[in-house]
Amino acid sequence: MAADEPWRLLEQLVQEVNQQTEQLARMQEKMRDLSATARSKDGMVTVTVGPRGEVRTIEFDPRVYRKLSPSELSALIVEQIGRATSQVSGEMKELMHPFVPDLPFEDLFGDGTSFESFLPGPGTPQPGDPRPPRER
């Protein structure tokens, strides 16, 4: 073994760690920018959610109040939130796949567990947040 070989190995490891850190940072940025929009089949309700499933917008066709009862409208909103959340969840899993390929969440943590269970919820401080959540 050459005298400088351990240093070369260390430099190589540091380089690999730096590359992975950069990839993780890019992935986190993409995750923060994720959103998904779901529109009802009749076009009456459109919902957009963010990466943690938080509702960002709900839009109604102006005719919605004449065509749907309050309970129908409520059910349609909930359905679109679910569809958009599932879509953004799939995109999130796709982004995470290179880092945790085929992680069997259900096997490790029980039925009903998903990747989203490990994400901070709405109101959890995020890097770069200017102030604590209570002041928002």
Protein backbone atom coordinates (compact mmCIF):
# COMPACT_ATOMS: atom_id res chain seq x y z
CA MET A 1 0.00 0.00 0.00
CA ALA A 2 1.45 3.36 -1.02
CA ALA A 3 1.85 5.95 1.72
CA ASP A 4 -0.64 8.32 0.13
CA GLU A 5 -3.27 5.69 -0.69
CA PRO A 6 -5.29 6.20 2.53
CA TRP A 7 -5.49 9.92 1.72
CA ARG A 8 -6.67 9.19 -1.81
CA LEU A 9 -9.36 6.88 -0.43
CA LEU A 10 -10.40 9.54 2.07
CA GLU A 11 -10.55 12.18 -0.67
CA GLN A 12 -12.64 9.84 -2.80
CA LEU A 13 -15.05 9.22 0.09
CA VAL A 14 -15.32 12.93 0.81
CA GLN A 15 -16.03 13.57 -2.87
CA GLU A 16 -18.77 10.91 -2.89
CA VAL A 17 -20.34 12.33 0.28
CA ASN A 18 -20.27 15.83 -1.23
CA GLN A 19 -21.96 14.57 -4.41
CA GLN A 20 -24.65 12.79 -2.42
CA THR A 21 -25.17 15.87 -0.26
CA GLU A 22 -25.65 17.97 -3.39
CA GLN A 23 -28.10 15.42 -4.82
CA LEU A 24 -30.07 15.43 -1.56
CA ALA A 25 -30.17 19.23 -1.53
CA ARG A 26 -31.50 19.27 -5.11
CA MET A 27 -34.06 16.61 -4.21
CA GLN A 28 -35.22 18.59 -1.17
CA GLU A 29 -35.62 21.70 -3.29
CA LYS A 30 -37.69 19.78 -5.83
CA MET A 31 -39.77 18.31 -3.01
CA ARG A 32 -40.51 21.79 -1.61
CA ASP A 33 -41.68 22.90 -5.06
CA LEU A 34 -43.95 19.90 -5.64
CA SER A 35 -47.65 20.43 -6.07
CA ALA A 36 -50.47 18.53 -7.70
CA THR A 37 -53.81 19.62 -9.05
CA ALA A 38 -56.93 17.50 -9.37
CA ARG A 39 -60.04 18.56 -11.25
CA SER A 40 -63.39 16.83 -10.91
CA LYS A 41 -64.71 15.05 -14.01
CA ASP A 42 -67.44 17.65 -14.40
CA GLY A 43 -64.94 20.49 -13.99
CA MET A 44 -66.83 21.97 -11.05
CA VAL A 45 -64.01 21.69 -8.48
CA THR A 46 -60.25 22.06 -8.85
CA VAL A 47 -57.90 21.53 -5.90
CA THR A 48 -54.15 22.08 -5.69
CA VAL A 49 -52.08 20.64 -2.84
CA GLY A 50 -48.47 21.13 -1.82
CA PRO A 51 -45.80 18.54 -1.04
CA ARG A 52 -47.14 17.73 2.43
CA GLY A 53 -50.72 17.47 1.26
CA GLU A 54 -51.60 20.99 2.39
CA VAL A 55 -54.39 22.53 0.35
CA ARG A 56 -53.09 25.53 -1.57
CA THR A 57 -56.11 26.42 -3.66
CA ILE A 58 -59.70 25.36 -4.20
CA GLU A 59 -61.44 26.72 -7.28
CA PHE A 60 -65.09 26.37 -8.20
CA ASP A 61 -66.84 26.68 -11.50
CA PRO A 62 -69.37 29.52 -11.04
CA ARG A 63 -72.22 27.08 -11.77
CA VAL A 64 -71.25 24.79 -8.87
CA TYR A 65 -73.74 26.36 -6.45
CA ARG A 66 -76.68 25.79 -8.82
CA LYS A 67 -75.71 22.25 -9.79
CA LEU A 68 -74.54 20.65 -6.54
CA SER A 69 -76.00 20.37 -3.08
CA PRO A 70 -73.75 21.32 -0.16
CA SER A 71 -73.10 17.65 0.65
CA GLU A 72 -72.26 16.86 -3.00
CA LEU A 73 -69.90 19.84 -3.13
CA SER A 74 -68.26 18.78 0.11
CA ALA A 75 -67.77 15.22 -1.14
CA LEU A 76 -66.33 16.50 -4.42
CA ILE A 77 -63.84 18.74 -2.59
CA VAL A 78 -62.69 15.88 -0.35
CA GLU A 79 -62.36 13.58 -3.36
CA GLN A 80 -60.20 16.09 -5.26
CA ILE A 81 -58.00 16.69 -2.22
CA GLY A 82 -57.46 12.93 -1.99
CA ARG A 83 -56.64 12.61 -5.68
CA ALA A 84 -54.20 15.54 -5.63
CA THR A 85 -52.56 14.26 -2.44
CA SER A 86 -52.10 10.81 -3.97
CA GLN A 87 -50.57 12.37 -7.06
CA VAL A 88 -48.09 14.52 -5.10
CA SER A 89 -47.28 11.49 -2.92
CA GLY A 90 -46.40 9.48 -6.02
CA GLU A 91 -44.18 12.28 -7.29
CA MET A 92 -42.49 12.45 -3.90
CA LYS A 93 -41.80 8.71 -3.89
CA GLU A 94 -40.37 9.03 -7.39
CA LEU A 95 -37.99 11.75 -6.23
CA MET A 96 -36.97 9.68 -3.20
CA HIS A 97 -36.48 6.43 -5.11
CA PRO A 98 -32.76 6.93 -5.90
CA PHE A 99 -32.05 7.42 -2.19
CA VAL A 100 -34.35 4.76 -0.70
CA PRO A 101 -35.23 2.35 -3.52
CA ASP A 102 -38.11 0.02 -2.82
CA LEU A 103 -38.25 0.85 0.88
CA PRO A 104 -41.09 -1.35 2.20
CA PHE A 105 -42.72 1.16 4.57
CA GLU A 106 -45.60 -1.19 5.37
CA ASP A 107 -43.28 -4.07 6.26
CA LEU A 108 -41.05 -1.93 8.43
CA PHE A 109 -43.60 0.26 10.21
CA GLY A 110 -46.98 -1.45 9.88
CA ASP A 111 -50.00 -1.30 7.59
CA GLY A 112 -51.09 2.13 6.45
CA THR A 113 -47.63 3.63 6.85
CA SER A 114 -46.32 5.63 3.93
CA PHE A 115 -43.40 7.87 3.12
CA GLU A 116 -45.55 10.90 3.97
CA SER A 117 -45.68 9.73 7.60
CA PHE A 118 -42.07 10.77 7.95
CA LEU A 119 -42.46 14.24 6.47
CA PRO A 120 -42.95 17.31 8.63
CA GLY A 121 -46.56 18.38 8.85
CA PRO A 122 -47.97 21.79 7.97
CA GLY A 123 -46.71 24.40 10.41
CA THR A 124 -43.44 22.57 11.08
CA PRO A 125 -40.54 25.01 10.66
CA GLN A 126 -38.60 24.41 7.48
CA PRO A 127 -35.06 25.51 6.62
CA GLY A 128 -35.17 29.10 5.50
CA ASP A 129 -38.45 29.90 7.28
CA PRO A 130 -38.14 33.51 8.43
CA ARG A 131 -40.09 33.09 11.70
CA PRO A 132 -41.61 30.47 13.93
CA PRO A 133 -44.99 29.01 12.85
CA ARG A 134 -46.95 30.73 15.65
CA GLU A 135 -46.12 34.15 14.23
CA ARG A 136 -47.50 33.38 10.78
